[in-house]
Each structure stands twice: as C-alpha cells, then as structure tokens.
Amino acid sequence: MGEFWPVPDVLAYLAGQWRVERSVRDLASDERGEFRGTTAFIPLEGGGLLHQESGTFVWQGVPRPAERTLRFLPSREPGAADVRFADGRPFHDLDLTSGRHTADHPCSADLYRGEFTVTDADHWRTVWRVRGPAKDLVLTTDYARVG
C-alpha cells in the first residue's frame, strides 16, 4: 500500500455508515471465510460513537447472521479513540492522525495485532493477525463509506 491519508479526528472521520467486506483465513488449516455487511457509527450521548456491525458470515460454505457492537470513546490523545467492547472492557487504542496505526489486544494466551490504514476520505482497512495456542488467523476488513 502506498500513501496513507491522515485523519485529524478519528471519531469525526468514522461517524456514519460503512459497507464492510472481511476475509478470514485460518493459517493452520488454510480454511477461509468471509463477512459482508454494514457498520454504523452512531453518536453516543456524552461523546464517542457506538459501532454496530451486522451482516452475513460464511464459513465452510455455511452462511450465518453475524453482528458485533463496540464503543469508540474519546481518548486522552487529541483526535484518537479508546475502543471498548460493548460491556466496557478495553479493546485497543486508535490514533489515525498519521493515516496508520498498530494496536495490540491480548486475549487469553492469544495476541491480536491490528494494523489500521486510511487510504482516503471514504476508505480504510484493518488487518488483524491473531497468534497463539488457540488461533492462527488473519482477518482483513475493508470499509467503504455509504453515501
């Protein structure tokens, strides 16, 4: 990937609706899946955004409805976000002021390492590499602004 697109305020950038396409690859078995759907970043009372993702996940040829909810809260760092699970547990930080960010999230004995890149005003990508005794995955998600 070439140039990154700096985002002075991640919450302002993310607000709204996005089309989502995610590929999931299990490196141990070489099995692959995909998710297609939408993500809405909805303003929260008191600041921040509620991230609501829904769509269809296909694994081993079987489609299933899938959804998740996160909270993107204002960070102490200007223009950055503190990303939390729906129940309030910390997930990762997110600072796209350079157009690129790397974040780690330990989950039991596994480590999730996410790389976030912004290519323009309407497109960004996450690549999560998950390593550990339970998982060996790569999840690549492309977001395109709706409207």
C-alpha atoms as a PDB file:
ATOM      1  CA  MET A   1       0.000   0.000   0.000  1.00  0.00           C
ATOM      2  CA  GLY A   2       1.272   3.449  -0.829  1.00  0.00           C
ATOM      3  CA  GLU A   3       0.325   6.716   0.798  1.00  0.00           C
ATOM      4  CA  PHE A   4      -1.690   6.919   3.966  1.00  0.00           C
ATOM      5  CA  TRP A   5      -4.387   9.543   4.460  1.00  0.00           C
ATOM      6  CA  PRO A   6      -4.023  11.401   7.797  1.00  0.00           C
ATOM      7  CA  VAL A   7      -7.179  11.673   9.925  1.00  0.00           C
ATOM      8  CA  PRO A   8      -7.049  14.601  12.398  1.00  0.00           C
ATOM      9  CA  ASP A   9     -10.114  13.342  14.339  1.00  0.00           C
ATOM     10  CA  VAL A  10     -10.894   9.618  14.165  1.00  0.00           C
ATOM     11  CA  LEU A  11     -14.382   9.951  15.668  1.00  0.00           C
ATOM     12  CA  ALA A  12     -15.430  12.621  13.158  1.00  0.00           C
ATOM     13  CA  TYR A  13     -13.975  10.519  10.316  1.00  0.00           C
ATOM     14  CA  LEU A  14     -15.761   7.294  11.313  1.00  0.00           C
ATOM     15  CA  ALA A  15     -19.207   8.770  12.007  1.00  0.00           C
ATOM     16  CA  GLY A  16     -21.848   7.447   9.605  1.00  0.00           C
ATOM     17  CA  GLN A  17     -22.480   4.274   7.615  1.00  0.00           C
ATOM     18  CA  TRP A  18     -19.869   1.964   6.042  1.00  0.00           C
ATOM     19  CA  ARG A  19     -20.017  -1.100   3.781  1.00  0.00           C
ATOM     20  CA  VAL A  20     -17.870  -3.899   5.229  1.00  0.00           C
ATOM     21  CA  GLU A  21     -16.090  -6.775   3.486  1.00  0.00           C
ATOM     22  CA  ARG A  22     -13.944  -9.060   5.654  1.00  0.00           C
ATOM     23  CA  SER A  23     -11.891 -12.086   4.720  1.00  0.00           C
ATOM     24  CA  VAL A  24     -10.908 -14.572   7.414  1.00  0.00           C
ATOM     25  CA  ARG A  25      -8.096 -17.044   6.852  1.00  0.00           C
ATOM     26  CA  ASP A  26      -7.129 -19.790   9.268  1.00  0.00           C
ATOM     27  CA  LEU A  27      -3.403 -20.203   8.616  1.00  0.00           C
ATOM     28  CA  ALA A  28      -3.278 -23.586  10.393  1.00  0.00           C
ATOM     29  CA  SER A  29      -5.961 -25.253   8.225  1.00  0.00           C
ATOM     30  CA  ASP A  30      -5.951 -22.816   5.252  1.00  0.00           C
ATOM     31  CA  GLU A  31      -9.727 -22.579   5.610  1.00  0.00           C
ATOM     32  CA  ARG A  32     -11.266 -19.283   4.545  1.00  0.00           C
ATOM     33  CA  GLY A  33     -14.405 -17.386   5.329  1.00  0.00           C
ATOM     34  CA  GLU A  34     -15.910 -14.030   4.550  1.00  0.00           C
ATOM     35  CA  PHE A  35     -18.185 -11.471   6.136  1.00  0.00           C
ATOM     36  CA  ARG A  36     -20.249  -8.914   4.228  1.00  0.00           C
ATOM     37  CA  GLY A  37     -22.420  -6.326   5.849  1.00  0.00           C
ATOM     38  CA  THR A  38     -22.578  -2.798   7.204  1.00  0.00           C
ATOM     39  CA  THR A  39     -21.209  -0.857  10.128  1.00  0.00           C
ATOM     40  CA  ALA A  40     -22.923   2.181  11.588  1.00  0.00           C
ATOM     41  CA  PHE A  41     -21.002   4.588  13.830  1.00  0.00           C
ATOM     42  CA  ILE A  42     -23.756   6.309  15.808  1.00  0.00           C
ATOM     43  CA  PRO A  43     -23.100   9.279  18.154  1.00  0.00           C
ATOM     44  CA  LEU A  44     -23.255   8.377  21.848  1.00  0.00           C
ATOM     45  CA  GLU A  45     -24.736  10.705  24.424  1.00  0.00           C
ATOM     46  CA  GLY A  46     -21.775  12.253  26.231  1.00  0.00           C
ATOM     47  CA  GLY A  47     -19.339  11.757  23.338  1.00  0.00           C
ATOM     48  CA  GLY A  48     -17.957   8.938  21.271  1.00  0.00           C
ATOM     49  CA  LEU A  49     -19.553   6.533  18.825  1.00  0.00           C
ATOM     50  CA  LEU A  50     -21.491   3.291  19.083  1.00  0.00           C
ATOM     51  CA  HIS A  51     -20.158   0.862  16.449  1.00  0.00           C
ATOM     52  CA  GLN A  52     -22.869  -1.559  15.289  1.00  0.00           C
ATOM     53  CA  GLU A  53     -21.847  -4.132  12.689  1.00  0.00           C
ATOM     54  CA  SER A  54     -24.230  -6.627  11.110  1.00  0.00           C
ATOM     55  CA  GLY A  55     -24.186  -8.887   8.105  1.00  0.00           C
ATOM     56  CA  THR A  56     -23.571 -12.454   6.984  1.00  0.00           C
ATOM     57  CA  PHE A  57     -20.525 -14.557   7.816  1.00  0.00           C
ATOM     58  CA  VAL A  58     -19.826 -17.538   5.553  1.00  0.00           C
ATOM     59  CA  TRP A  59     -17.554 -20.259   6.959  1.00  0.00           C
ATOM     60  CA  GLN A  60     -17.065 -23.663   5.325  1.00  0.00           C
ATOM     61  CA  GLY A  61     -19.862 -22.752   2.912  1.00  0.00           C
ATOM     62  CA  VAL A  62     -22.411 -22.120   5.680  1.00  0.00           C
ATOM     63  CA  PRO A  63     -23.858 -18.573   5.890  1.00  0.00           C
ATOM     64  CA  ARG A  64     -24.776 -17.275   9.343  1.00  0.00           C
ATOM     65  CA  PRO A  65     -26.010 -13.899  10.559  1.00  0.00           C
ATOM     66  CA  ALA A  66     -23.287 -12.075  12.489  1.00  0.00           C
ATOM     67  CA  GLU A  67     -23.136  -8.865  14.483  1.00  0.00           C
ATOM     68  CA  ARG A  68     -20.987  -7.074  16.999  1.00  0.00           C
ATOM     69  CA  THR A  69     -21.108  -3.866  18.992  1.00  0.00           C
ATOM     70  CA  LEU A  70     -18.160  -1.751  20.127  1.00  0.00           C
ATOM     71  CA  ARG A  71     -17.801   1.670  21.715  1.00  0.00           C
ATOM     72  CA  PHE A  72     -15.341   4.199  20.282  1.00  0.00           C
ATOM     73  CA  LEU A  73     -14.774   6.730  23.054  1.00  0.00           C
ATOM     74  CA  PRO A  74     -12.739   9.951  23.066  1.00  0.00           C
ATOM     75  CA  SER A  75      -9.132   9.317  24.069  1.00  0.00           C
ATOM     76  CA  ARG A  76      -6.802  11.451  26.153  1.00  0.00           C
ATOM     77  CA  GLU A  77      -4.802  11.921  22.926  1.00  0.00           C
ATOM     78  CA  PRO A  78      -6.329  14.598  20.644  1.00  0.00           C
ATOM     79  CA  GLY A  79      -8.138  13.092  17.648  1.00  0.00           C
ATOM     80  CA  ALA A  80      -7.734   9.489  18.894  1.00  0.00           C
ATOM     81  CA  ALA A  81     -10.214   6.936  20.277  1.00  0.00           C
ATOM     82  CA  ASP A  82     -10.343   4.405  23.079  1.00  0.00           C
ATOM     83  CA  VAL A  83     -12.091   1.332  21.622  1.00  0.00           C
ATOM     84  CA  ARG A  84     -14.042  -0.840  24.051  1.00  0.00           C
ATOM     85  CA  PHE A  85     -16.208  -3.918  23.840  1.00  0.00           C
ATOM     86  CA  ALA A  86     -19.964  -3.456  24.326  1.00  0.00           C
ATOM     87  CA  ASP A  87     -19.620  -4.416  28.018  1.00  0.00           C
ATOM     88  CA  GLY A  88     -16.978  -1.715  28.573  1.00  0.00           C
ATOM     89  CA  ARG A  89     -13.852  -3.904  28.641  1.00  0.00           C
ATOM     90  CA  PRO A  90     -10.854  -2.306  26.895  1.00  0.00           C
ATOM     91  CA  PHE A  91     -10.128  -3.498  23.341  1.00  0.00           C
ATOM     92  CA  HIS A  92      -7.495  -1.186  21.830  1.00  0.00           C
ATOM     93  CA  ASP A  93      -6.500   2.411  21.189  1.00  0.00           C
ATOM     94  CA  LEU A  94      -6.903   4.010  17.756  1.00  0.00           C
ATOM     95  CA  ASP A  95      -4.947   7.023  16.512  1.00  0.00           C
ATOM     96  CA  LEU A  96      -5.151   7.665  12.766  1.00  0.00           C
ATOM     97  CA  THR A  97      -3.547  11.123  12.751  1.00  0.00           C
ATOM     98  CA  SER A  98      -0.770   9.686  10.533  1.00  0.00           C
ATOM     99  CA  GLY A  99      -3.245   7.603   8.493  1.00  0.00           C
ATOM    100  CA  ARG A 100      -1.842   4.400  10.006  1.00  0.00           C
ATOM    101  CA  HIS A 101      -1.956   2.779  13.450  1.00  0.00           C
ATOM    102  CA  THR A 102      -0.959  -0.516  15.072  1.00  0.00           C
ATOM    103  CA  ALA A 103      -2.651  -1.843  18.212  1.00  0.00           C
ATOM    104  CA  ASP A 104      -2.328  -4.996  20.313  1.00  0.00           C
ATOM    105  CA  HIS A 105      -5.020  -6.838  22.236  1.00  0.00           C
ATOM    106  CA  PRO A 106      -4.104  -9.840  24.399  1.00  0.00           C
ATOM    107  CA  CYS A 107      -6.956 -12.373  24.626  1.00  0.00           C
ATOM    108  CA  SER A 108      -6.205 -15.287  26.970  1.00  0.00           C
ATOM    109  CA  ALA A 109      -2.991 -16.776  25.562  1.00  0.00           C
ATOM    110  CA  ASP A 110      -3.569 -15.352  22.071  1.00  0.00           C
ATOM    111  CA  LEU A 111      -2.354 -11.974  20.814  1.00  0.00           C
ATOM    112  CA  TYR A 112      -4.378  -9.879  18.377  1.00  0.00           C
ATOM    113  CA  ARG A 113      -2.263  -7.320  16.496  1.00  0.00           C
ATOM    114  CA  GLY A 114      -4.254  -4.885  14.381  1.00  0.00           C
ATOM    115  CA  GLU A 115      -2.984  -2.599  11.659  1.00  0.00           C
ATOM    116  CA  PHE A 116      -5.314   0.211  10.632  1.00  0.00           C
ATOM    117  CA  THR A 117      -4.754   2.194   7.442  1.00  0.00           C
ATOM    118  CA  VAL A 118      -6.717   5.005   5.810  1.00  0.00           C
ATOM    119  CA  THR A 119      -6.427   5.489   2.050  1.00  0.00           C
ATOM    120  CA  ASP A 120      -8.824   8.409   1.522  1.00  0.00           C
ATOM    121  CA  ALA A 121     -11.884  10.172   2.911  1.00  0.00           C
ATOM    122  CA  ASP A 122     -14.115   7.177   2.180  1.00  0.00           C
ATOM    123  CA  HIS A 123     -11.922   4.044   2.550  1.00  0.00           C
ATOM    124  CA  TRP A 124      -9.992   2.418   5.381  1.00  0.00           C
ATOM    125  CA  ARG A 125      -8.770  -1.073   6.231  1.00  0.00           C
ATOM    126  CA  THR A 126      -7.968  -3.193   9.251  1.00  0.00           C
ATOM    127  CA  VAL A 127      -5.757  -6.274   9.251  1.00  0.00           C
ATOM    128  CA  TRP A 128      -5.799  -8.316  12.449  1.00  0.00           C
ATOM    129  CA  ARG A 129      -3.148 -11.019  12.851  1.00  0.00           C
ATOM    130  CA  VAL A 130      -4.100 -13.427  15.618  1.00  0.00           C
ATOM    131  CA  ARG A 131      -1.425 -15.742  17.027  1.00  0.00           C
ATOM    132  CA  GLY A 132      -1.396 -18.112  19.942  1.00  0.00           C
ATOM    133  CA  PRO A 133      -2.142 -21.632  21.057  1.00  0.00           C
ATOM    134  CA  ALA A 134      -5.836 -21.389  20.173  1.00  0.00           C
ATOM    135  CA  LYS A 135      -5.709 -19.346  16.951  1.00  0.00           C
ATOM    136  CA  ASP A 136      -3.602 -18.606  13.889  1.00  0.00           C
ATOM    137  CA  LEU A 137      -5.697 -16.220  11.809  1.00  0.00           C
ATOM    138  CA  VAL A 138      -5.590 -13.221   9.514  1.00  0.00           C
ATOM    139  CA  LEU A 139      -8.705 -11.056   9.330  1.00  0.00           C
ATOM    140  CA  THR A 140      -8.695  -8.332   6.661  1.00  0.00           C
ATOM    141  CA  THR A 141     -11.565  -5.838   6.621  1.00  0.00           C
ATOM    142  CA  ASP A 142     -12.206  -3.156   4.022  1.00  0.00           C
ATOM    143  CA  TYR A 143     -14.566  -0.293   4.831  1.00  0.00           C
ATOM    144  CA  ALA A 144     -16.182   1.959   2.203  1.00  0.00           C
ATOM    145  CA  ARG A 145     -18.349   4.913   3.220  1.00  0.00           C
ATOM    146  CA  VAL A 146     -22.018   4.669   2.225  1.00  0.00           C
ATOM    147  CA  GLY A 147     -23.398   7.794   0.544  1.00  0.00           C
END
